[in-house]
C-alpha atoms as a PDB file:
ATOM      1  CA  MET A   1     162.015 108.368 138.108  1.00  0.00           C
ATOM      2  CA  ALA A   2     164.067 107.914 134.957  1.00  0.00           C
ATOM      3  CA  VAL A   3     164.678 110.624 132.375  1.00  0.00           C
ATOM      4  CA  PHE A   4     165.451 109.622 128.820  1.00  0.00           C
ATOM      5  CA  ALA A   5     167.013 111.847 126.205  1.00  0.00           C
ATOM      6  CA  VAL A   6     165.883 111.160 122.664  1.00  0.00           C
ATOM      7  CA  PRO A   7     167.924 112.765 119.880  1.00  0.00           C
ATOM      8  CA  LEU A   8     165.826 114.776 117.468  1.00  0.00           C
ATOM      9  CA  LEU A   9     167.065 114.979 113.893  1.00  0.00           C
ATOM     10  CA  VAL A  10     166.216 118.392 112.551  1.00  0.00           C
ATOM     11  CA  GLY A  11     168.599 118.693 109.580  1.00  0.00           C
ATOM     12  CA  CYS A  12     168.174 117.711 105.973  1.00  0.00           C
ATOM     13  CA  TYR A  13     168.700 114.232 104.627  1.00  0.00           C
ATOM     14  CA  ASP A  14     172.106 113.411 103.202  1.00  0.00           C
ATOM     15  CA  SER A  15     172.417 112.335  99.595  1.00  0.00           C
ATOM     16  CA  ALA A  16     175.117 111.556  97.072  1.00  0.00           C
ATOM     17  CA  GLY A  17     173.772 114.331  94.791  1.00  0.00           C
ATOM     18  CA  ALA A  18     174.672 118.021  94.751  1.00  0.00           C
ATOM     19  CA  PHE A  19     171.703 118.733  97.015  1.00  0.00           C
ATOM     20  CA  SER A  20     169.026 116.870  98.900  1.00  0.00           C
ATOM     21  CA  VAL A  21     165.488 117.659  99.994  1.00  0.00           C
ATOM     22  CA  ARG A  22     163.866 116.421 103.177  1.00  0.00           C
ATOM     23  CA  ARG A  23     160.541 115.536 101.495  1.00  0.00           C
ATOM     24  CA  GLU A  24     159.760 115.546  97.788  1.00  0.00           C
ATOM     25  CA  MET A  25     155.994 115.680  98.348  1.00  0.00           C
ATOM     26  CA  VAL A  26     153.845 117.383 100.968  1.00  0.00           C
ATOM     27  CA  ASP A  27     150.212 116.353 101.440  1.00  0.00           C
ATOM     28  CA  VAL A  28     148.299 119.382 102.707  1.00  0.00           C
ATOM     29  CA  GLY A  29     145.072 117.405 103.225  1.00  0.00           C
ATOM     30  CA  GLN A  30     141.699 119.043 102.641  1.00  0.00           C
ATOM     31  CA  ALA A  31     141.097 122.516 101.241  1.00  0.00           C
ATOM     32  CA  HIS A  32     138.225 124.494  99.746  1.00  0.00           C
ATOM     33  CA  VAL A  33     138.081 125.618  96.132  1.00  0.00           C
ATOM     34  CA  GLY A  34     139.319 129.214  96.089  1.00  0.00           C
ATOM     35  CA  ASP A  35     141.666 128.730  99.058  1.00  0.00           C
ATOM     36  CA  SER A  36     145.444 128.824  98.934  1.00  0.00           C
ATOM     37  CA  VAL A  37     147.523 126.169 100.671  1.00  0.00           C
ATOM     38  CA  LYS A  38     151.178 126.361 101.702  1.00  0.00           C
ATOM     39  CA  ALA A  39     153.938 123.791 102.084  1.00  0.00           C
ATOM     40  CA  SER A  40     157.599 124.049 103.122  1.00  0.00           C
ATOM     41  CA  PHE A  41     160.530 122.161 101.627  1.00  0.00           C
ATOM     42  CA  THR A  42     164.008 122.041 103.168  1.00  0.00           C
ATOM     43  CA  PHE A  43     167.039 121.714 100.894  1.00  0.00           C
ATOM     44  CA  ARG A  44     170.646 120.935 101.803  1.00  0.00           C
ATOM     45  CA  ASN A  45     173.821 121.656  99.855  1.00  0.00           C
ATOM     46  CA  ASN A  46     175.821 118.379  99.870  1.00  0.00           C
ATOM     47  CA  GLN A  47     178.843 119.900  98.116  1.00  0.00           C
ATOM     48  CA  LYS A  48     182.025 121.478  99.435  1.00  0.00           C
ATOM     49  CA  GLU A  49     181.360 124.767  97.608  1.00  0.00           C
ATOM     50  CA  GLN A  50     178.477 127.225  97.359  1.00  0.00           C
ATOM     51  CA  LEU A  51     175.517 125.982  95.321  1.00  0.00           C
ATOM     52  CA  ALA A  52     172.653 127.789  93.594  1.00  0.00           C
ATOM     53  CA  ILE A  53     169.368 125.936  93.229  1.00  0.00           C
ATOM     54  CA  SER A  54     166.650 127.213  90.857  1.00  0.00           C
ATOM     55  CA  PHE A  55     162.897 126.663  91.233  1.00  0.00           C
ATOM     56  CA  LEU A  56     160.296 126.798  88.463  1.00  0.00           C
ATOM     57  CA  PRO A  57     156.588 126.210  89.258  1.00  0.00           C
ATOM     58  CA  GLU A  58     154.668 124.215  86.654  1.00  0.00           C
ATOM     59  CA  CYS A  59     151.776 126.689  86.438  1.00  0.00           C
ATOM     60  CA  ASP A  60     150.582 130.171  87.398  1.00  0.00           C
ATOM     61  CA  CYS A  61     148.506 128.803  90.288  1.00  0.00           C
ATOM     62  CA  THR A  62     151.733 127.799  92.099  1.00  0.00           C
ATOM     63  CA  THR A  63     154.178 130.341  93.522  1.00  0.00           C
ATOM     64  CA  VAL A  64     157.495 129.943  95.330  1.00  0.00           C
ATOM     65  CA  SER A  65     159.091 132.152  97.991  1.00  0.00           C
ATOM     66  CA  SER A  66     162.242 132.447  95.861  1.00  0.00           C
ATOM     67  CA  ASN A  67     163.238 131.583  92.296  1.00  0.00           C
ATOM     68  CA  THR A  68     166.815 130.808  93.365  1.00  0.00           C
ATOM     69  CA  MET A  69     168.402 129.691  96.619  1.00  0.00           C
ATOM     70  CA  ARG A  70     172.135 130.009  97.327  1.00  0.00           C
ATOM     71  CA  LEU A  71     173.490 127.646  99.960  1.00  0.00           C
ATOM     72  CA  GLN A  72     176.938 127.458 101.493  1.00  0.00           C
ATOM     73  CA  PRO A  73     178.542 123.998 101.904  1.00  0.00           C
ATOM     74  CA  ARG A  74     176.385 121.725 104.100  1.00  0.00           C
ATOM     75  CA  GLU A  75     173.917 124.585 104.667  1.00  0.00           C
ATOM     76  CA  CYS A  76     170.143 124.073 104.642  1.00  0.00           C
ATOM     77  CA  GLY A  77     167.521 126.456 103.290  1.00  0.00           C
ATOM     78  CA  LYS A  78     163.730 126.516 103.254  1.00  0.00           C
ATOM     79  CA  LEU A  79     161.454 127.074 100.261  1.00  0.00           C
ATOM     80  CA  GLU A  80     157.792 127.995 100.735  1.00  0.00           C
ATOM     81  CA  VAL A  81     155.361 126.870  98.028  1.00  0.00           C
ATOM     82  CA  LYS A  82     151.856 128.322  97.759  1.00  0.00           C
ATOM     83  CA  VAL A  83     149.158 126.678  95.635  1.00  0.00           C
ATOM     84  CA  ALA A  84     145.803 128.194  94.666  1.00  0.00           C
ATOM     85  CA  VAL A  85     143.130 125.491  94.768  1.00  0.00           C
ATOM     86  CA  GLU A  86     141.176 126.032  91.553  1.00  0.00           C
ATOM     87  CA  SER A  87     138.924 122.990  91.109  1.00  0.00           C
ATOM     88  CA  GLU A  88     137.195 120.186  92.980  1.00  0.00           C
ATOM     89  CA  GLY A  89     138.767 116.804  93.577  1.00  0.00           C
ATOM     90  CA  GLU A  90     142.347 115.815  94.133  1.00  0.00           C
ATOM     91  CA  PHE A  91     145.141 118.158  93.116  1.00  0.00           C
ATOM     92  CA  ILE A  92     148.893 117.864  92.758  1.00  0.00           C
ATOM     93  CA  LYS A  93     151.127 120.745  91.727  1.00  0.00           C
ATOM     94  CA  TYR A  94     154.815 120.461  90.867  1.00  0.00           C
ATOM     95  CA  VAL A  95     157.869 122.691  91.142  1.00  0.00           C
ATOM     96  CA  TYR A  96     160.907 121.838  89.025  1.00  0.00           C
ATOM     97  CA  VAL A  97     164.214 122.032  90.920  1.00  0.00           C
ATOM     98  CA  GLN A  98     167.665 122.269  89.323  1.00  0.00           C
ATOM     99  CA  ALA A  99     171.168 122.848  90.686  1.00  0.00           C
ATOM    100  CA  SER A 100     173.344 125.384  88.856  1.00  0.00           C
ATOM    101  CA  GLY A 101     175.407 123.740  86.132  1.00  0.00           C
ATOM    102  CA  ALA A 102     173.338 120.536  86.157  1.00  0.00           C
ATOM    103  CA  GLU A 103     171.380 119.190  83.204  1.00  0.00           C
ATOM    104  CA  ASP A 104     169.088 116.980  85.294  1.00  0.00           C
ATOM    105  CA  PHE A 105     166.289 118.276  87.483  1.00  0.00           C
ATOM    106  CA  MET A 106     163.957 116.859  90.109  1.00  0.00           C
ATOM    107  CA  THR A 107     160.411 117.734  91.088  1.00  0.00           C
ATOM    108  CA  ILE A 108     158.806 118.547  94.408  1.00  0.00           C
ATOM    109  CA  ALA A 109     155.045 118.453  94.792  1.00  0.00           C
ATOM    110  CA  VAL A 110     152.165 119.733  96.879  1.00  0.00           C
ATOM    111  CA  LYS A 111     149.062 117.566  96.890  1.00  0.00           C
ATOM    112  CA  GLY A 112     145.672 117.575  98.537  1.00  0.00           C
ATOM    113  CA  HIS A 113     141.954 117.377  97.853  1.00  0.00           C
ATOM    114  CA  THR A 114     138.873 119.565  98.152  1.00  0.00           C
ATOM    115  CA  LYS A 115     136.103 119.037 100.666  1.00  0.00           C
END
């Protein structure tokens, strides 16, 4: 009987930017109108110094577990995003993400559809 070891990559993805995110979009699948759905996003500080990352939801129906995340060099941190499903059909909600001192920002998104 042979035993094989398969390495499991659990960390964040590397990037040339100040930070990286494992996934920019999470598809939560089906939900009912009136429900709330949750998604997790993992960020990594790619710099050699501490980094602050700010999060701004696009609307009141989207909340984040923290408005700012401080990460040490090469450290990862998790952000929880909660979306209230308000109408029928497909939905996609965005959170704007910006590193301290940067002018540019990126977006992460939670998407799904109602039953």
